[in-house]
Amino acid sequence: SEQIEDIKETVRFLKEARPDQFLTTVAYPIKGTPYYESVSNRIVAVNPWEKSSDRELQISGRQSSRFYAAANRWLVGEMQYQRLSRSAHWDFPALGKALLNRELGRIGMLVTHRQ
């Protein structure tokens, strides 16, 4: 399970790498894969199988979906802030929005950590 320090390391890496685009995803168990087998005893179905998919399965002991949403908000906000702050012509409303999203993501991770 990712910890806040893991997300901090991802932020450090992204700031150094300066990618034009990036994508985040949370691993989910797909039947028949080694990952599924390794977590099969911790899989929790949120909805009945006929009303859900493998993407909706939860793994007990892992961070909540709210934690990962906050982590993504931090990553996206941080990278937007970094990109905008390097621009020759600062867009203050966009900078403020990126900064706000960055901080809300960080706070959200702290609040939802271990939920």
C-alpha atoms as a PDB file:
ATOM      1  CA  SER A   1       0.000   0.000   0.000  1.00  0.00           C
ATOM      2  CA  GLU A   2       1.371   3.392  -0.961  1.00  0.00           C
ATOM      3  CA  GLN A   3       2.242   5.759   1.805  1.00  0.00           C
ATOM      4  CA  ILE A   4       2.469   9.547   1.736  1.00  0.00           C
ATOM      5  CA  GLU A   5       6.260   9.257   1.416  1.00  0.00           C
ATOM      6  CA  ASP A   6       5.801   7.205  -1.774  1.00  0.00           C
ATOM      7  CA  ILE A   7       3.671   9.972  -3.284  1.00  0.00           C
ATOM      8  CA  LYS A   8       6.269  12.557  -2.222  1.00  0.00           C
ATOM      9  CA  GLU A   9       8.905  10.559  -4.103  1.00  0.00           C
ATOM     10  CA  THR A  10       6.670  10.512  -7.181  1.00  0.00           C
ATOM     11  CA  VAL A  11       6.290  14.308  -6.941  1.00  0.00           C
ATOM     12  CA  ARG A  12      10.075  14.708  -6.650  1.00  0.00           C
ATOM     13  CA  PHE A  13      10.593  12.492  -9.678  1.00  0.00           C
ATOM     14  CA  LEU A  14       7.995  14.335 -11.778  1.00  0.00           C
ATOM     15  CA  LYS A  15       9.458  17.727 -10.846  1.00  0.00           C
ATOM     16  CA  GLU A  16      12.878  16.542 -11.955  1.00  0.00           C
ATOM     17  CA  ALA A  17      11.700  14.756 -15.105  1.00  0.00           C
ATOM     18  CA  ARG A  18       9.326  17.559 -16.197  1.00  0.00           C
ATOM     19  CA  PRO A  19       7.159  15.377 -18.437  1.00  0.00           C
ATOM     20  CA  ASP A  20       4.822  17.054 -20.901  1.00  0.00           C
ATOM     21  CA  GLN A  21       2.104  14.645 -19.775  1.00  0.00           C
ATOM     22  CA  PHE A  22       1.724  11.915 -17.196  1.00  0.00           C
ATOM     23  CA  LEU A  23      -0.919   9.450 -16.129  1.00  0.00           C
ATOM     24  CA  THR A  24      -1.662   7.954 -12.745  1.00  0.00           C
ATOM     25  CA  THR A  25      -3.513   4.751 -12.078  1.00  0.00           C
ATOM     26  CA  VAL A  26      -4.166   2.457  -9.157  1.00  0.00           C
ATOM     27  CA  ALA A  27      -3.506  -1.231  -9.738  1.00  0.00           C
ATOM     28  CA  TYR A  28      -6.600  -3.383  -9.603  1.00  0.00           C
ATOM     29  CA  PRO A  29      -6.915  -7.167  -9.525  1.00  0.00           C
ATOM     30  CA  ILE A  30      -7.804  -8.925 -12.778  1.00  0.00           C
ATOM     31  CA  LYS A  31      -8.624 -12.627 -12.497  1.00  0.00           C
ATOM     32  CA  GLY A  32      -5.872 -14.813 -13.870  1.00  0.00           C
ATOM     33  CA  THR A  33      -3.050 -12.348 -13.200  1.00  0.00           C
ATOM     34  CA  PRO A  34      -0.261 -12.801 -10.649  1.00  0.00           C
ATOM     35  CA  TYR A  35      -1.436  -9.638  -8.871  1.00  0.00           C
ATOM     36  CA  TYR A  36      -4.941 -11.064  -8.465  1.00  0.00           C
ATOM     37  CA  GLU A  37      -3.518 -14.243  -7.006  1.00  0.00           C
ATOM     38  CA  SER A  38      -1.306 -12.317  -4.573  1.00  0.00           C
ATOM     39  CA  VAL A  39      -4.239 -10.304  -3.169  1.00  0.00           C
ATOM     40  CA  SER A  40      -7.112 -12.751  -3.683  1.00  0.00           C
ATOM     41  CA  ASN A  41      -7.554 -13.311   0.052  1.00  0.00           C
ATOM     42  CA  ARG A  42      -7.973  -9.537   0.603  1.00  0.00           C
ATOM     43  CA  ILE A  43     -10.403  -8.716  -2.232  1.00  0.00           C
ATOM     44  CA  VAL A  44     -13.645  -7.070  -1.155  1.00  0.00           C
ATOM     45  CA  ALA A  45     -16.491  -6.626  -3.634  1.00  0.00           C
ATOM     46  CA  VAL A  46     -18.158  -3.238  -3.227  1.00  0.00           C
ATOM     47  CA  ASN A  47     -21.221  -4.184  -5.301  1.00  0.00           C
ATOM     48  CA  PRO A  48     -22.695  -7.515  -6.397  1.00  0.00           C
ATOM     49  CA  TRP A  49     -20.648  -8.981  -9.272  1.00  0.00           C
ATOM     50  CA  GLU A  50     -23.482  -8.562 -11.798  1.00  0.00           C
ATOM     51  CA  LYS A  51     -23.554  -4.811 -11.071  1.00  0.00           C
ATOM     52  CA  SER A  52     -19.814  -4.117 -11.040  1.00  0.00           C
ATOM     53  CA  SER A  53     -16.506  -4.878 -12.718  1.00  0.00           C
ATOM     54  CA  ASP A  54     -13.026  -5.858 -11.612  1.00  0.00           C
ATOM     55  CA  ARG A  55     -12.139  -2.143 -11.441  1.00  0.00           C
ATOM     56  CA  GLU A  56     -14.563  -1.765  -8.536  1.00  0.00           C
ATOM     57  CA  LEU A  57     -12.971  -4.424  -6.365  1.00  0.00           C
ATOM     58  CA  GLN A  58     -11.260  -3.121  -3.252  1.00  0.00           C
ATOM     59  CA  ILE A  59      -8.236  -4.581  -1.523  1.00  0.00           C
ATOM     60  CA  SER A  60      -8.441  -4.588   2.265  1.00  0.00           C
ATOM     61  CA  GLY A  61      -5.397  -2.993   3.866  1.00  0.00           C
ATOM     62  CA  ARG A  62      -4.845  -0.637   0.932  1.00  0.00           C
ATOM     63  CA  GLN A  63      -5.408   3.111   0.950  1.00  0.00           C
ATOM     64  CA  SER A  64      -8.941   4.303   0.192  1.00  0.00           C
ATOM     65  CA  SER A  65     -10.085   5.598  -3.173  1.00  0.00           C
ATOM     66  CA  ARG A  66     -10.383   9.033  -1.521  1.00  0.00           C
ATOM     67  CA  PHE A  67      -6.682   8.886  -0.621  1.00  0.00           C
ATOM     68  CA  TYR A  68      -5.746   8.087  -4.221  1.00  0.00           C
ATOM     69  CA  ALA A  69      -8.029  10.838  -5.557  1.00  0.00           C
ATOM     70  CA  ALA A  70      -6.301  13.316  -3.224  1.00  0.00           C
ATOM     71  CA  ALA A  71      -2.876  12.022  -4.292  1.00  0.00           C
ATOM     72  CA  ASN A  72      -3.800  12.533  -7.930  1.00  0.00           C
ATOM     73  CA  ARG A  73      -5.047  16.047  -7.162  1.00  0.00           C
ATOM     74  CA  TRP A  74      -1.713  16.827  -5.509  1.00  0.00           C
ATOM     75  CA  LEU A  75       0.301  15.411  -8.419  1.00  0.00           C
ATOM     76  CA  VAL A  76      -1.712  17.242 -11.068  1.00  0.00           C
ATOM     77  CA  GLY A  77      -1.795  20.506  -9.106  1.00  0.00           C
ATOM     78  CA  GLU A  78       1.929  20.347  -8.392  1.00  0.00           C
ATOM     79  CA  MET A  79       2.848  19.724 -12.013  1.00  0.00           C
ATOM     80  CA  GLN A  80       0.507  22.467 -13.257  1.00  0.00           C
ATOM     81  CA  TYR A  81       2.016  24.862 -10.720  1.00  0.00           C
ATOM     82  CA  GLN A  82       5.567  23.913 -11.761  1.00  0.00           C
ATOM     83  CA  ARG A  83       4.784  24.368 -15.457  1.00  0.00           C
ATOM     84  CA  LEU A  84       2.990  27.691 -14.967  1.00  0.00           C
ATOM     85  CA  SER A  85       5.640  29.106 -12.638  1.00  0.00           C
ATOM     86  CA  ARG A  86       8.335  28.530 -15.312  1.00  0.00           C
ATOM     87  CA  SER A  87       6.359  30.513 -17.875  1.00  0.00           C
ATOM     88  CA  ALA A  88       7.597  33.935 -18.949  1.00  0.00           C
ATOM     89  CA  HIS A  89       4.081  35.364 -18.541  1.00  0.00           C
ATOM     90  CA  TRP A  90       2.465  34.339 -15.289  1.00  0.00           C
ATOM     91  CA  ASP A  91      -1.225  33.554 -15.348  1.00  0.00           C
ATOM     92  CA  PHE A  92      -2.031  34.400 -11.727  1.00  0.00           C
ATOM     93  CA  PRO A  93      -5.543  32.871 -11.644  1.00  0.00           C
ATOM     94  CA  ALA A  94      -4.223  29.603 -13.122  1.00  0.00           C
ATOM     95  CA  LEU A  95      -1.243  29.643 -10.745  1.00  0.00           C
ATOM     96  CA  GLY A  96      -3.584  30.176  -7.810  1.00  0.00           C
ATOM     97  CA  LYS A  97      -5.857  27.343  -8.926  1.00  0.00           C
ATOM     98  CA  ALA A  98      -2.894  24.973  -9.344  1.00  0.00           C
ATOM     99  CA  LEU A  99      -1.520  25.966  -5.941  1.00  0.00           C
ATOM    100  CA  LEU A 100      -4.935  25.468  -4.324  1.00  0.00           C
ATOM    101  CA  ASN A 101      -5.365  22.040  -5.915  1.00  0.00           C
ATOM    102  CA  ARG A 102      -1.854  21.058  -4.869  1.00  0.00           C
ATOM    103  CA  GLU A 103      -2.507  21.969  -1.246  1.00  0.00           C
ATOM    104  CA  LEU A 104      -6.017  20.477  -1.152  1.00  0.00           C
ATOM    105  CA  GLY A 105      -4.550  17.242  -2.498  1.00  0.00           C
ATOM    106  CA  ARG A 106      -1.838  17.186   0.158  1.00  0.00           C
ATOM    107  CA  ILE A 107      -4.334  17.916   2.923  1.00  0.00           C
ATOM    108  CA  GLY A 108      -6.761  15.354   1.501  1.00  0.00           C
ATOM    109  CA  MET A 109      -4.067  12.678   1.646  1.00  0.00           C
ATOM    110  CA  LEU A 110      -3.336  13.489   5.271  1.00  0.00           C
ATOM    111  CA  VAL A 111      -7.025  13.374   6.187  1.00  0.00           C
ATOM    112  CA  THR A 112      -7.773  10.135   4.309  1.00  0.00           C
ATOM    113  CA  HIS A 113      -4.552   8.300   5.136  1.00  0.00           C
ATOM    114  CA  ARG A 114      -5.448   5.002   6.823  1.00  0.00           C
ATOM    115  CA  GLN A 115      -9.220   5.338   6.345  1.00  0.00           C
END
